[in-house]
Amino acid sequence: MRDTWEVPASAIGFASPRWQAVLDRALVRIDRELGLTAGASLDAQLHNLLVYAPGQFFAVHQDSEKADGMLGTLVVTLPSKFTGGEFVVSHQGQTLRARGSASRLGLLAFYADCHHEVRPVKQGYRVALTYNLIARGGVQPGEVPVQDISALASTVQTFWQTPAAPRWSGDTETEAPDRLVYLLDHQYTQSGLTWAHLKGADAVRAEALRKVAERLDAEIFLTLADVHETWSAEDDWQEADHWDYA
């Protein structure tokens, strides 16, 4: 849920070329902080400008994938006097809070699957540009040390050779598993789930598992999964006599 004024990218222009230079310098640091390495380029695609008046806000949400290769979002808070309007980003138990400044730009970049919100503005106006961060050329993870690959391969091989724990009491027929599922840290859409566009630590870990699969002559895939938990319950009420007294 959002309560804010929006100006689309098509209605926004920058008269000074200095802004692009500022943005390019910021992208170099964002590239490094988000875990991208040589071989990938990061573009900032202007999405809109949002103006928050007193009482307006943006409830907790995740950004949708607005373009092919979109990894995240860049929010540029323009200098203005306001109170409230705190920007909050959360991911896997970590939370980052950012407040605006009356005299300085504020830049905050995050992966698109991070939960984020803008708290209600109390006084003044919060004005911010939002950019889609697009990865071009694919994300190339860093080289994984050979000794780490060897250790991981040994662990995976042991896992496949060890009989699985019984699924229920009294189950005596156990077999070694024939597959291994590893859950990634980030969330991905169907179009965004590719080896070339994994995010941060996911890219490094996936590359390690690919090397292990090659060494063990195993197949490896990326896939989306929905995890459900099913529980059964019994009502003891019908198994005993119950009396009501007045």
Protein backbone atom coordinates (compact mmCIF):
# COMPACT_ATOMS: atom_id res chain seq x y z
CA MET A 1 0.00 0.00 0.00
CA ARG A 2 1.37 3.39 -1.01
CA ASP A 3 0.24 6.96 -0.38
CA THR A 4 2.52 9.31 -2.32
CA TRP A 5 2.72 11.57 -5.35
CA GLU A 6 4.50 10.06 -8.37
CA VAL A 7 6.22 11.66 -11.38
CA PRO A 8 7.01 9.09 -14.13
CA ALA A 9 10.47 8.84 -15.67
CA SER A 10 9.15 10.16 -18.99
CA ALA A 11 8.43 13.53 -17.35
CA ILE A 12 11.86 13.89 -15.69
CA GLY A 13 14.95 15.46 -17.22
CA PHE A 14 18.40 16.55 -16.00
CA ALA A 15 19.80 19.79 -17.41
CA SER A 16 23.29 19.38 -15.95
CA PRO A 17 25.65 16.61 -17.16
CA ARG A 18 27.22 16.60 -13.70
CA TRP A 19 24.40 14.41 -12.39
CA GLN A 20 25.37 11.51 -14.65
CA ALA A 21 28.96 11.78 -13.37
CA VAL A 22 27.69 11.59 -9.78
CA LEU A 23 25.56 8.59 -10.65
CA ASP A 24 28.42 6.80 -12.42
CA ARG A 25 30.67 7.18 -9.37
CA ALA A 26 27.91 5.84 -7.14
CA LEU A 27 27.43 2.81 -9.41
CA VAL A 28 31.08 1.84 -9.02
CA ARG A 29 30.64 1.59 -5.26
CA ILE A 30 27.23 -0.08 -5.55
CA ASP A 31 28.76 -2.68 -7.88
CA ARG A 32 31.32 -3.50 -5.21
CA GLU A 33 28.93 -3.45 -2.25
CA LEU A 34 26.36 -5.71 -3.93
CA GLY A 35 29.03 -8.29 -4.67
CA LEU A 36 29.32 -7.87 -8.45
CA THR A 37 32.74 -8.45 -9.97
CA ALA A 38 34.60 -7.88 -13.22
CA GLY A 39 32.65 -9.09 -16.21
CA ALA A 40 29.38 -7.43 -15.22
CA SER A 41 28.27 -3.85 -15.68
CA LEU A 42 25.59 -2.17 -13.62
CA ASP A 43 23.19 0.34 -15.16
CA ALA A 44 20.77 2.64 -13.33
CA GLN A 45 17.46 2.98 -15.16
CA LEU A 46 15.34 5.89 -13.91
CA HIS A 47 11.92 4.65 -12.75
CA ASN A 48 10.16 7.60 -11.14
CA LEU A 49 10.25 10.47 -8.66
CA LEU A 50 8.20 10.17 -5.47
CA VAL A 51 7.04 13.10 -3.34
CA TYR A 52 5.79 12.38 0.18
CA ALA A 53 3.66 15.05 1.85
CA PRO A 54 2.86 15.02 5.60
CA GLY A 55 1.05 11.79 6.48
CA GLN A 56 2.08 9.97 3.31
CA PHE A 57 4.02 6.70 3.39
CA PHE A 58 4.95 3.49 1.56
CA ALA A 59 4.04 0.27 3.41
CA VAL A 60 6.42 -2.69 3.66
CA HIS A 61 6.85 -4.37 0.26
CA GLN A 62 9.28 -5.98 -2.16
CA ASP A 63 10.05 -4.52 -5.56
CA SER A 64 8.85 -6.38 -8.62
CA GLU A 65 11.23 -7.19 -11.47
CA LYS A 66 10.52 -4.27 -13.80
CA ALA A 67 13.12 -5.11 -16.46
CA ASP A 68 15.21 -8.07 -17.61
CA GLY A 69 18.34 -8.38 -15.51
CA MET A 70 17.01 -6.18 -12.71
CA LEU A 71 18.94 -6.93 -9.52
CA GLY A 72 17.86 -4.17 -7.21
CA THR A 73 16.79 -0.61 -6.60
CA LEU A 74 18.63 2.65 -6.01
CA VAL A 75 16.83 5.35 -4.02
CA VAL A 76 18.23 8.89 -4.20
CA THR A 77 16.74 11.13 -1.52
CA LEU A 78 17.01 14.75 -2.63
CA PRO A 79 17.93 17.49 -0.12
CA SER A 80 14.81 18.82 1.62
CA LYS A 81 13.62 19.66 5.11
CA PHE A 82 11.25 17.07 6.56
CA THR A 83 10.73 14.99 9.67
CA GLY A 84 9.58 11.39 9.77
CA GLY A 85 9.76 9.62 6.43
CA GLU A 86 12.41 7.17 7.63
CA PHE A 87 13.44 4.64 4.96
CA VAL A 88 13.77 1.11 6.38
CA VAL A 89 15.26 -1.90 4.53
CA SER A 90 15.25 -5.43 6.00
CA HIS A 91 16.70 -8.73 4.83
CA GLN A 92 17.32 -11.96 6.77
CA GLY A 93 17.12 -10.32 10.18
CA GLN A 94 19.27 -7.30 9.30
CA THR A 95 17.72 -3.83 9.20
CA LEU A 96 19.06 -0.57 7.79
CA ARG A 97 17.45 2.81 8.49
CA ALA A 98 18.10 6.00 6.55
CA ARG A 99 16.91 9.55 7.13
CA GLY A 100 17.05 12.42 4.69
CA SER A 101 19.15 15.57 4.88
CA ALA A 102 18.30 19.20 4.19
CA SER A 103 21.64 19.79 2.47
CA ARG A 104 22.98 16.49 1.09
CA LEU A 105 21.94 13.73 -1.28
CA GLY A 106 21.16 10.36 0.23
CA LEU A 107 21.82 7.22 -1.85
CA LEU A 108 20.65 3.78 -0.79
CA ALA A 109 20.90 0.65 -2.96
CA PHE A 110 19.48 -2.78 -2.13
CA TYR A 111 18.48 -6.04 -3.79
CA ALA A 112 14.93 -6.08 -5.15
CA ASP A 113 13.79 -8.91 -2.87
CA CYS A 114 14.60 -6.94 0.30
CA HIS A 115 11.58 -5.79 2.28
CA HIS A 116 11.50 -2.01 2.58
CA GLU A 117 9.19 0.82 3.57
CA VAL A 118 8.93 4.58 4.00
CA ARG A 119 7.52 5.59 7.38
CA PRO A 120 4.89 8.39 7.43
CA VAL A 121 6.26 11.90 6.90
CA LYS A 122 5.43 14.21 9.81
CA GLN A 123 6.45 17.62 8.50
CA GLY A 124 7.83 18.92 5.20
CA TYR A 125 8.22 16.96 1.98
CA ARG A 126 10.36 13.93 1.23
CA VAL A 127 11.46 13.85 -2.44
CA ALA A 128 13.26 10.84 -3.90
CA LEU A 129 14.33 9.46 -7.27
CA THR A 130 14.14 5.70 -7.74
CA TYR A 131 16.26 3.74 -10.22
CA ASN A 132 16.11 0.13 -11.35
CA LEU A 133 19.56 -1.45 -11.08
CA ILE A 134 20.17 -3.59 -14.16
CA ALA A 135 23.02 -6.10 -14.52
CA ARG A 136 24.48 -6.22 -18.01
CA GLY A 137 26.69 -9.02 -19.27
CA GLY A 138 25.99 -11.38 -16.39
CA VAL A 139 27.34 -11.60 -12.87
CA GLN A 140 30.64 -13.48 -12.73
CA PRO A 141 31.39 -14.84 -9.24
CA GLY A 142 34.89 -14.83 -7.86
CA GLU A 143 37.12 -17.88 -8.15
CA VAL A 144 36.48 -20.48 -5.45
CA PRO A 145 39.69 -21.91 -3.90
CA VAL A 146 40.46 -25.48 -5.00
CA GLN A 147 40.78 -26.68 -1.41
CA ASP A 148 37.28 -25.42 -0.65
CA ILE A 149 35.90 -27.29 -3.67
CA SER A 150 37.63 -30.49 -2.55
CA ALA A 151 36.24 -30.21 0.98
CA LEU A 152 32.73 -29.47 -0.28
CA ALA A 153 32.86 -32.36 -2.76
CA SER A 154 33.84 -34.73 0.06
CA THR A 155 30.95 -33.50 2.20
CA VAL A 156 28.42 -33.93 -0.61
CA GLN A 157 29.71 -37.41 -1.43
CA THR A 158 29.41 -38.44 2.23
CA PHE A 159 25.85 -37.10 2.27
CA TRP A 160 24.90 -39.23 -0.73
CA GLN A 161 26.47 -42.36 0.80
CA THR A 162 24.78 -42.02 4.19
CA PRO A 163 21.29 -43.57 4.62
CA ALA A 164 18.63 -40.97 5.32
CA ALA A 165 16.93 -40.81 8.71
CA PRO A 166 13.57 -42.68 8.95
CA ARG A 167 10.60 -40.56 7.96
CA TRP A 168 8.36 -42.04 10.63
CA SER A 169 8.56 -44.29 13.67
CA GLY A 170 8.97 -47.94 12.75
CA ASP A 171 10.34 -47.28 9.27
CA THR A 172 13.23 -49.70 8.80
CA GLU A 173 13.79 -49.26 5.07
CA THR A 174 16.18 -46.36 4.62
CA GLU A 175 18.22 -45.49 1.57
CA ALA A 176 20.91 -42.98 0.81
CA PRO A 177 19.51 -39.80 -0.77
CA ASP A 178 19.89 -39.36 -4.52
CA ARG A 179 19.59 -35.58 -4.54
CA LEU A 180 20.64 -32.54 -2.54
CA VAL A 181 18.62 -29.31 -2.32
CA TYR A 182 20.35 -26.06 -1.36
CA LEU A 183 18.16 -23.02 -0.66
CA LEU A 184 19.53 -19.68 -1.83
CA ASP A 185 19.42 -16.59 0.37
CA HIS A 186 17.62 -14.33 -2.10
CA GLN A 187 14.25 -14.63 -3.78
CA TYR A 188 14.03 -14.79 -7.58
CA THR A 189 11.35 -14.56 -10.24
CA GLN A 190 10.98 -17.12 -13.01
CA SER A 191 12.75 -14.88 -15.53
CA GLY A 192 15.38 -13.71 -13.04
CA LEU A 193 16.53 -17.15 -11.89
CA THR A 194 19.59 -17.68 -14.09
CA TRP A 195 23.20 -18.58 -13.32
CA ALA A 196 24.26 -15.21 -14.72
CA HIS A 197 22.02 -13.15 -12.42
CA LEU A 198 22.37 -14.73 -8.99
CA LYS A 199 22.85 -12.16 -6.25
CA GLY A 200 25.75 -11.62 -3.86
CA ALA A 201 26.77 -14.70 -1.91
CA ASP A 202 24.30 -16.83 -3.89
CA ALA A 203 26.50 -16.46 -6.98
CA VAL A 204 29.64 -17.61 -5.13
CA ARG A 205 27.96 -20.59 -3.47
CA ALA A 206 26.21 -21.67 -6.65
CA GLU A 207 29.50 -21.55 -8.54
CA ALA A 208 31.08 -23.77 -5.87
CA LEU A 209 28.24 -26.28 -6.17
CA ARG A 210 28.56 -26.28 -9.96
CA LYS A 211 32.23 -27.18 -9.67
CA VAL A 212 31.38 -29.93 -7.16
CA ALA A 213 28.72 -31.32 -9.51
CA GLU A 214 31.25 -31.39 -12.34
CA ARG A 215 33.78 -33.19 -10.16
CA LEU A 216 31.23 -35.80 -8.99
CA ASP A 217 29.65 -36.20 -12.44
CA ALA A 218 26.29 -35.02 -11.08
CA GLU A 219 23.58 -32.87 -12.63
CA ILE A 220 22.77 -29.48 -11.14
CA PHE A 221 19.78 -27.21 -11.77
CA LEU A 222 18.29 -23.92 -10.66
CA THR A 223 14.60 -24.13 -9.83
CA LEU A 224 11.89 -22.25 -7.98
CA ALA A 225 10.35 -24.00 -4.99
CA ASP A 226 7.39 -23.47 -2.70
CA VAL A 227 7.94 -24.89 0.77
CA HIS A 228 4.86 -26.05 2.66
CA GLU A 229 4.51 -27.61 6.11
CA THR A 230 1.63 -30.01 6.76
CA TRP A 231 0.56 -31.02 10.24
CA SER A 232 -2.06 -33.48 11.46
CA ALA A 233 -4.03 -33.11 14.67
CA GLU A 234 -6.47 -35.23 16.62
CA ASP A 235 -9.38 -34.02 18.68
CA ASP A 236 -9.47 -35.86 22.01
CA TRP A 237 -12.92 -34.43 22.80
CA GLN A 238 -14.72 -37.33 21.13
CA GLU A 239 -12.67 -39.96 22.95
CA ALA A 240 -13.91 -39.22 26.44
CA ASP A 241 -17.14 -38.35 28.22
CA HIS A 242 -17.55 -34.66 28.85
CA TRP A 243 -20.26 -33.22 31.06
CA ASP A 244 -21.48 -29.70 31.40
CA TYR A 245 -22.94 -28.52 34.68
CA ALA A 246 -25.24 -25.56 35.27
